[in-house]
PDB file of N, CA and C in Angstrom:
ATOM      1  N   UNK A   1      77.765  56.060 116.310  1.00  0.00           N
ATOM      2  CA  UNK A   1      77.081  55.178 116.352  1.00  0.00           C
ATOM      3  C   UNK A   1      77.951  53.967 116.523  1.00  0.00           C
ATOM      4  N   UNK A   2      77.749  53.288 117.416  1.00  0.00           N
ATOM      5  CA  UNK A   2      78.882  51.963 117.873  1.00  0.00           C
ATOM      6  C   UNK A   2      77.733  50.504 117.458  1.00  0.00           C
ATOM      7  N   UNK A   3      78.879  49.792 117.147  1.00  0.00           N
ATOM      8  CA  UNK A   3      78.155  48.035 116.486  1.00  0.00           C
ATOM      9  C   UNK A   3      78.560  47.437 117.329  1.00  0.00           C
ATOM     10  N   UNK A   4      77.268  46.424 117.782  1.00  0.00           N
ATOM     11  CA  UNK A   4      77.767  45.158 118.602  1.00  0.00           C
ATOM     12  C   UNK A   4      78.757  45.271 119.227  1.00  0.00           C
ATOM     13  N   UNK A   5      79.564  45.151 119.023  1.00  0.00           N
ATOM     14  CA  UNK A   5      81.246  44.791 119.482  1.00  0.00           C
ATOM     15  C   UNK A   5      81.858  46.303 120.450  1.00  0.00           C
ATOM     16  N   UNK A   6      81.142  47.445 120.304  1.00  0.00           N
ATOM     17  CA  UNK A   6      81.071  48.792 120.910  1.00  0.00           C
ATOM     18  C   UNK A   6      82.404  49.841 119.501  1.00  0.00           C
ATOM     19  N   UNK A   7      82.269  49.230 118.649  1.00  0.00           N
ATOM     20  CA  UNK A   7      83.776  49.889 117.902  1.00  0.00           C
ATOM     21  C   UNK A   7      83.171  50.995 117.008  1.00  0.00           C
ATOM     22  N   UNK A   8      83.562  52.222 117.212  1.00  0.00           N
ATOM     23  CA  UNK A   8      82.625  53.609 116.085  1.00  0.00           C
ATOM     24  C   UNK A   8      82.980  52.587 114.780  1.00  0.00           C
ATOM     25  N   UNK A   9      81.569  53.229 114.189  1.00  0.00           N
ATOM     26  CA  UNK A   9      80.796  52.598 113.029  1.00  0.00           C
ATOM     27  C   UNK A   9      80.469  53.455 112.323  1.00  0.00           C
ATOM     28  N   UNK A  10      79.890  54.962 112.572  1.00  0.00           N
ATOM     29  CA  UNK A  10      79.634  55.803 112.195  1.00  0.00           C
ATOM     30  C   UNK A  10      79.768  56.916 113.035  1.00  0.00           C
ATOM     31  N   UNK A  11      80.121  58.663 112.526  1.00  0.00           N
ATOM     32  CA  UNK A  11      80.362  59.274 113.032  1.00  0.00           C
ATOM     33  C   UNK A  11      79.871  60.591 111.899  1.00  0.00           C
ATOM     34  N   UNK A  12      79.135  60.349 110.621  1.00  0.00           N
ATOM     35  CA  UNK A  12      78.863  61.370 110.253  1.00  0.00           C
ATOM     36  C   UNK A  12      77.600  62.032 110.816  1.00  0.00           C
ATOM     37  N   UNK A  13      77.310  62.828 109.044  1.00  0.00           N
ATOM     38  CA  UNK A  13      75.659  63.342 109.574  1.00  0.00           C
ATOM     39  C   UNK A  13      74.867  62.599 109.720  1.00  0.00           C
ATOM     40  N   UNK A  14      73.546  63.198 109.838  1.00  0.00           N
ATOM     41  CA  UNK A  14      72.103  63.041 110.121  1.00  0.00           C
ATOM     42  C   UNK A  14      71.582  63.327 108.567  1.00  0.00           C
ATOM     43  N   UNK A  15      71.578  64.282 107.935  1.00  0.00           N
ATOM     44  CA  UNK A  15      71.565  63.790 106.160  1.00  0.00           C
ATOM     45  C   UNK A  15      72.101  65.268 105.480  1.00  0.00           C
ATOM     46  N   UNK A  16      71.601  65.870 104.149  1.00  0.00           N
ATOM     47  CA  UNK A  16      72.363  66.995 104.053  1.00  0.00           C
ATOM     48  C   UNK A  16      71.433  68.117 104.226  1.00  0.00           C
ATOM     49  N   UNK A  17      70.585  68.329 104.733  1.00  0.00           N
ATOM     50  CA  UNK A  17      69.723  68.703 105.469  1.00  0.00           C
ATOM     51  C   UNK A  17      70.239  70.564 106.248  1.00  0.00           C
ATOM     52  N   UNK A  18      70.346  71.434 105.883  1.00  0.00           N
ATOM     53  CA  UNK A  18      71.338  72.659 106.494  1.00  0.00           C
ATOM     54  C   UNK A  18      70.218  73.659 106.928  1.00  0.00           C
ATOM     55  N   UNK A  19      70.534  74.606 108.283  1.00  0.00           N
ATOM     56  CA  UNK A  19      69.721  75.591 108.923  1.00  0.00           C
ATOM     57  C   UNK A  19      69.524  76.437 107.225  1.00  0.00           C
ATOM     58  N   UNK A  20      68.877  76.880 106.861  1.00  0.00           N
ATOM     59  CA  UNK A  20      68.422  77.704 105.937  1.00  0.00           C
ATOM     60  C   UNK A  20      68.604  77.053 104.003  1.00  0.00           C
ATOM     61  N   UNK A  21      68.991  75.880 104.330  1.00  0.00           N
ATOM     62  CA  UNK A  21      69.117  74.948 102.405  1.00  0.00           C
ATOM     63  C   UNK A  21      68.112  74.638 102.268  1.00  0.00           C
ATOM     64  N   UNK A  22      67.103  74.568 102.921  1.00  0.00           N
ATOM     65  CA  UNK A  22      65.183  74.357 102.260  1.00  0.00           C
ATOM     66  C   UNK A  22      65.509  72.817 101.388  1.00  0.00           C
ATOM     67  N   UNK A  23      66.396  72.166 102.385  1.00  0.00           N
ATOM     68  CA  UNK A  23      66.452  70.204 102.494  1.00  0.00           C
ATOM     69  C   UNK A  23      65.659  69.718 103.126  1.00  0.00           C
ATOM     70  N   UNK A  24      64.689  69.114 102.974  1.00  0.00           N
ATOM     71  CA  UNK A  24      64.646  68.368 104.468  1.00  0.00           C
ATOM     72  C   UNK A  24      65.184  67.796 104.579  1.00  0.00           C
ATOM     73  N   UNK A  25      64.572  67.960 106.220  1.00  0.00           N
ATOM     74  CA  UNK A  25      65.344  66.573 107.398  1.00  0.00           C
ATOM     75  C   UNK A  25      64.958  65.739 107.171  1.00  0.00           C
ATOM     76  N   UNK A  26      65.842  64.983 106.622  1.00  0.00           N
ATOM     77  CA  UNK A  26      65.115  63.189 105.984  1.00  0.00           C
ATOM     78  C   UNK A  26      66.037  61.879 107.254  1.00  0.00           C
ATOM     79  N   UNK A  27      67.343  61.903 107.619  1.00  0.00           N
ATOM     80  CA  UNK A  27      67.964  61.274 108.310  1.00  0.00           C
ATOM     81  C   UNK A  27      68.457  59.996 107.875  1.00  0.00           C
ATOM     82  N   UNK A  28      68.779  60.793 106.325  1.00  0.00           N
ATOM     83  CA  UNK A  28      68.881  59.322 105.621  1.00  0.00           C
ATOM     84  C   UNK A  28      69.980  58.882 105.836  1.00  0.00           C
ATOM     85  N   UNK A  29      71.642  59.561 105.858  1.00  0.00           N
ATOM     86  CA  UNK A  29      72.843  59.294 106.337  1.00  0.00           C
ATOM     87  C   UNK A  29      73.110  58.159 107.379  1.00  0.00           C
ATOM     88  N   UNK A  30      72.045  58.966 108.392  1.00  0.00           N
ATOM     89  CA  UNK A  30      72.256  57.975 109.838  1.00  0.00           C
ATOM     90  C   UNK A  30      71.826  56.963 109.728  1.00  0.00           C
ATOM     91  N   UNK A  31      70.247  56.570 109.046  1.00  0.00           N
ATOM     92  CA  UNK A  31      69.522  55.520 108.512  1.00  0.00           C
ATOM     93  C   UNK A  31      70.146  54.255 107.910  1.00  0.00           C
ATOM     94  N   UNK A  32      70.826  55.115 106.682  1.00  0.00           N
ATOM     95  CA  UNK A  32      71.620  53.842 105.823  1.00  0.00           C
ATOM     96  C   UNK A  32      72.881  53.366 107.060  1.00  0.00           C
ATOM     97  N   UNK A  33      72.888  53.919 107.711  1.00  0.00           N
ATOM     98  CA  UNK A  33      74.272  53.332 108.715  1.00  0.00           C
ATOM     99  C   UNK A  33      73.949  52.676 109.577  1.00  0.00           C
ATOM    100  N   UNK A  34      72.592  53.254 110.266  1.00  0.00           N
ATOM    101  CA  UNK A  34      72.118  51.664 111.364  1.00  0.00           C
ATOM    102  C   UNK A  34      71.554  50.716 111.071  1.00  0.00           C
ATOM    103  N   UNK A  35      71.054  51.045 109.681  1.00  0.00           N
ATOM    104  CA  UNK A  35      70.906  49.491 108.456  1.00  0.00           C
ATOM    105  C   UNK A  35      71.918  48.083 108.381  1.00  0.00           C
ATOM    106  N   UNK A  36      72.731  49.363 108.035  1.00  0.00           N
ATOM    107  CA  UNK A  36      74.096  48.960 107.429  1.00  0.00           C
ATOM    108  C   UNK A  36      74.716  47.965 108.651  1.00  0.00           C
ATOM    109  N   UNK A  37      74.991  48.925 110.046  1.00  0.00           N
ATOM    110  CA  UNK A  37      75.224  48.367 111.269  1.00  0.00           C
ATOM    111  C   UNK A  37      73.869  46.857 111.857  1.00  0.00           C
ATOM    112  N   UNK A  38      72.721  47.017 111.194  1.00  0.00           N
ATOM    113  CA  UNK A  38      71.966  45.797 111.950  1.00  0.00           C
ATOM    114  C   UNK A  38      71.911  44.601 111.022  1.00  0.00           C
ATOM    115  N   UNK A  39      72.441  45.112 109.814  1.00  0.00           N
ATOM    116  CA  UNK A  39      73.217  44.023 108.726  1.00  0.00           C
ATOM    117  C   UNK A  39      73.948  43.062 109.016  1.00  0.00           C
ATOM    118  N   UNK A  40      74.870  43.712 109.433  1.00  0.00           N
ATOM    119  CA  UNK A  40      76.316  43.749 110.094  1.00  0.00           C
ATOM    120  C   UNK A  40      77.048  43.340 108.900  1.00  0.00           C
ATOM    121  N   UNK A  41      76.347  44.968 107.382  1.00  0.00           N
ATOM    122  CA  UNK A  41      77.573  44.878 106.102  1.00  0.00           C
ATOM    123  C   UNK A  41      78.055  45.862 106.456  1.00  0.00           C
ATOM    124  N   UNK A  42      78.945  46.557 105.597  1.00  0.00           N
ATOM    125  CA  UNK A  42      79.760  47.201 104.740  1.00  0.00           C
ATOM    126  C   UNK A  42      79.571  49.060 105.586  1.00  0.00           C
ATOM    127  N   UNK A  43      79.877  49.667 106.126  1.00  0.00           N
ATOM    128  CA  UNK A  43      79.534  51.332 105.971  1.00  0.00           C
ATOM    129  C   UNK A  43      80.025  51.923 105.156  1.00  0.00           C
ATOM    130  N   UNK A  44      79.040  52.911 104.659  1.00  0.00           N
ATOM    131  CA  UNK A  44      79.509  53.429 103.237  1.00  0.00           C
ATOM    132  C   UNK A  44      80.982  54.014 103.491  1.00  0.00           C
ATOM    133  N   UNK A  45      81.876  54.495 102.587  1.00  0.00           N
ATOM    134  CA  UNK A  45      83.190  54.354 103.073  1.00  0.00           C
ATOM    135  C   UNK A  45      83.453  56.464 103.194  1.00  0.00           C
ATOM    136  N   UNK A  46      82.597  56.781 102.401  1.00  0.00           N
ATOM    137  CA  UNK A  46      82.512  58.240 102.659  1.00  0.00           C
ATOM    138  C   UNK A  46      81.933  59.061 103.733  1.00  0.00           C
ATOM    139  N   UNK A  47      82.179  59.234 104.838  1.00  0.00           N
ATOM    140  CA  UNK A  47      80.824  59.810 105.778  1.00  0.00           C
ATOM    141  C   UNK A  47      81.648  61.228 106.021  1.00  0.00           C
ATOM    142  N   UNK A  48      80.426  61.915 105.481  1.00  0.00           N
ATOM    143  CA  UNK A  48      80.291  63.258 105.829  1.00  0.00           C
ATOM    144  C   UNK A  48      80.024  63.870 107.177  1.00  0.00           C
ATOM    145  N   UNK A  49      81.214  64.524 107.610  1.00  0.00           N
ATOM    146  CA  UNK A  49      81.017  64.757 108.640  1.00  0.00           C
ATOM    147  C   UNK A  49      79.926  65.856 109.275  1.00  0.00           C
ATOM    148  N   UNK A  50      79.097  65.599 110.538  1.00  0.00           N
ATOM    149  CA  UNK A  50      78.176  66.204 111.206  1.00  0.00           C
ATOM    150  C   UNK A  50      78.673  68.144 111.226  1.00  0.00           C
ATOM    151  N   UNK A  51      77.259  68.645 111.841  1.00  0.00           N
ATOM    152  CA  UNK A  51      77.693  70.234 112.388  1.00  0.00           C
ATOM    153  C   UNK A  51      77.446  70.315 113.450  1.00  0.00           C
ATOM    154  N   UNK A  52      77.436  71.318 114.228  1.00  0.00           N
ATOM    155  CA  UNK A  52      77.024  71.231 115.132  1.00  0.00           C
ATOM    156  C   UNK A  52      78.346  71.633 116.382  1.00  0.00           C
ATOM    157  N   UNK A  53      77.902  71.556 117.576  1.00  0.00           N
ATOM    158  CA  UNK A  53      79.439  71.550 118.517  1.00  0.00           C
ATOM    159  C   UNK A  53      79.320  70.413 118.913  1.00  0.00           C
ATOM    160  N   UNK A  54      81.220  69.585 118.654  1.00  0.00           N
ATOM    161  CA  UNK A  54      81.610  68.799 119.134  1.00  0.00           C
ATOM    162  C   UNK A  54      82.295  68.417 120.418  1.00  0.00           C
ATOM    163  N   UNK A  55      82.339  67.061 120.804  1.00  0.00           N
ATOM    164  CA  UNK A  55      82.265  66.964 122.267  1.00  0.00           C
ATOM    165  C   UNK A  55      83.999  67.511 122.540  1.00  0.00           C
ATOM    166  N   UNK A  56      83.691  68.245 124.416  1.00  0.00           N
ATOM    167  CA  UNK A  56      85.005  68.595 124.154  1.00  0.00           C
ATOM    168  C   UNK A  56      85.809  67.745 124.870  1.00  0.00           C
ATOM    169  N   UNK A  57      87.267  67.912 124.427  1.00  0.00           N
ATOM    170  CA  UNK A  57      87.645  66.102 125.231  1.00  0.00           C
ATOM    171  C   UNK A  57      88.241  66.832 126.151  1.00  0.00           C
ATOM    172  N   UNK A  58      88.506  65.998 127.424  1.00  0.00           N
ATOM    173  CA  UNK A  58      89.588  66.012 128.232  1.00  0.00           C
ATOM    174  C   UNK A  58      91.297  66.032 127.111  1.00  0.00           C
ATOM    175  N   UNK A  59      92.143  66.788 127.655  1.00  0.00           N
ATOM    176  CA  UNK A  59      93.204  66.722 126.956  1.00  0.00           C
ATOM    177  C   UNK A  59      94.029  65.547 127.654  1.00  0.00           C
ATOM    178  N   UNK A  60      94.233  64.632 126.227  1.00  0.00           N
ATOM    179  CA  UNK A  60      95.259  63.102 126.983  1.00  0.00           C
ATOM    180  C   UNK A  60      93.844  61.969 126.270  1.00  0.00           C
ATOM    181  N   UNK A  61      92.508  62.419 126.364  1.00  0.00           N
ATOM    182  CA  UNK A  61      91.357  61.766 126.178  1.00  0.00           C
ATOM    183  C   UNK A  61      91.264  61.658 125.324  1.00  0.00           C
ATOM    184  N   UNK A  62      91.746  62.854 124.064  1.00  0.00           N
ATOM    185  CA  UNK A  62      91.141  62.556 122.576  1.00  0.00           C
ATOM    186  C   UNK A  62      90.726  61.126 122.156  1.00  0.00           C
ATOM    187  N   UNK A  63      90.227  60.458 121.313  1.00  0.00           N
ATOM    188  CA  UNK A  63      90.113  59.161 120.725  1.00  0.00           C
ATOM    189  C   UNK A  63      90.553  59.233 119.089  1.00  0.00           C
ATOM    190  N   UNK A  64      91.106  58.274 118.148  1.00  0.00           N
ATOM    191  CA  UNK A  64      92.206  58.383 117.928  1.00  0.00           C
ATOM    192  C   UNK A  64      91.675  59.811 116.576  1.00  0.00           C
ATOM    193  N   UNK A  65      90.710  59.496 116.097  1.00  0.00           N
ATOM    194  CA  UNK A  65      89.734  59.927 115.272  1.00  0.00           C
ATOM    195  C   UNK A  65      89.516  61.341 115.269  1.00  0.00           C
ATOM    196  N   UNK A  66      90.116  61.915 116.727  1.00  0.00           N
ATOM    197  CA  UNK A  66      89.774  62.880 116.554  1.00  0.00           C
ATOM    198  C   UNK A  66      91.242  63.726 116.496  1.00  0.00           C
ATOM    199  N   UNK A  67      90.846  65.270 115.108  1.00  0.00           N
ATOM    200  CA  UNK A  67      92.084  65.631 114.849  1.00  0.00           C
ATOM    201  C   UNK A  67      91.739  67.350 115.084  1.00  0.00           C
TER     202      UNK A  67
END
C-alpha cells in the first residue's frame, strides 16, 4: 500500500489467518496500516510478510526492498 506521496507504506500480511489454521480472516493488519496512512501516523515497525505468490520483477527493475 502506498501513501499520498506514493511512497511504499505497507507490504505486510492481511492478517494472521492461513490456510488450515482456523484463524478467522479479519484483515486486521492491513486495516491498521490503512488507518495509520489515513491518519498520517507512523506505520507499525514490524510488518509480517504476506504469503502467496510474489510479483515477478524483470531483472534490473526490482525495488530496493525486494530481496
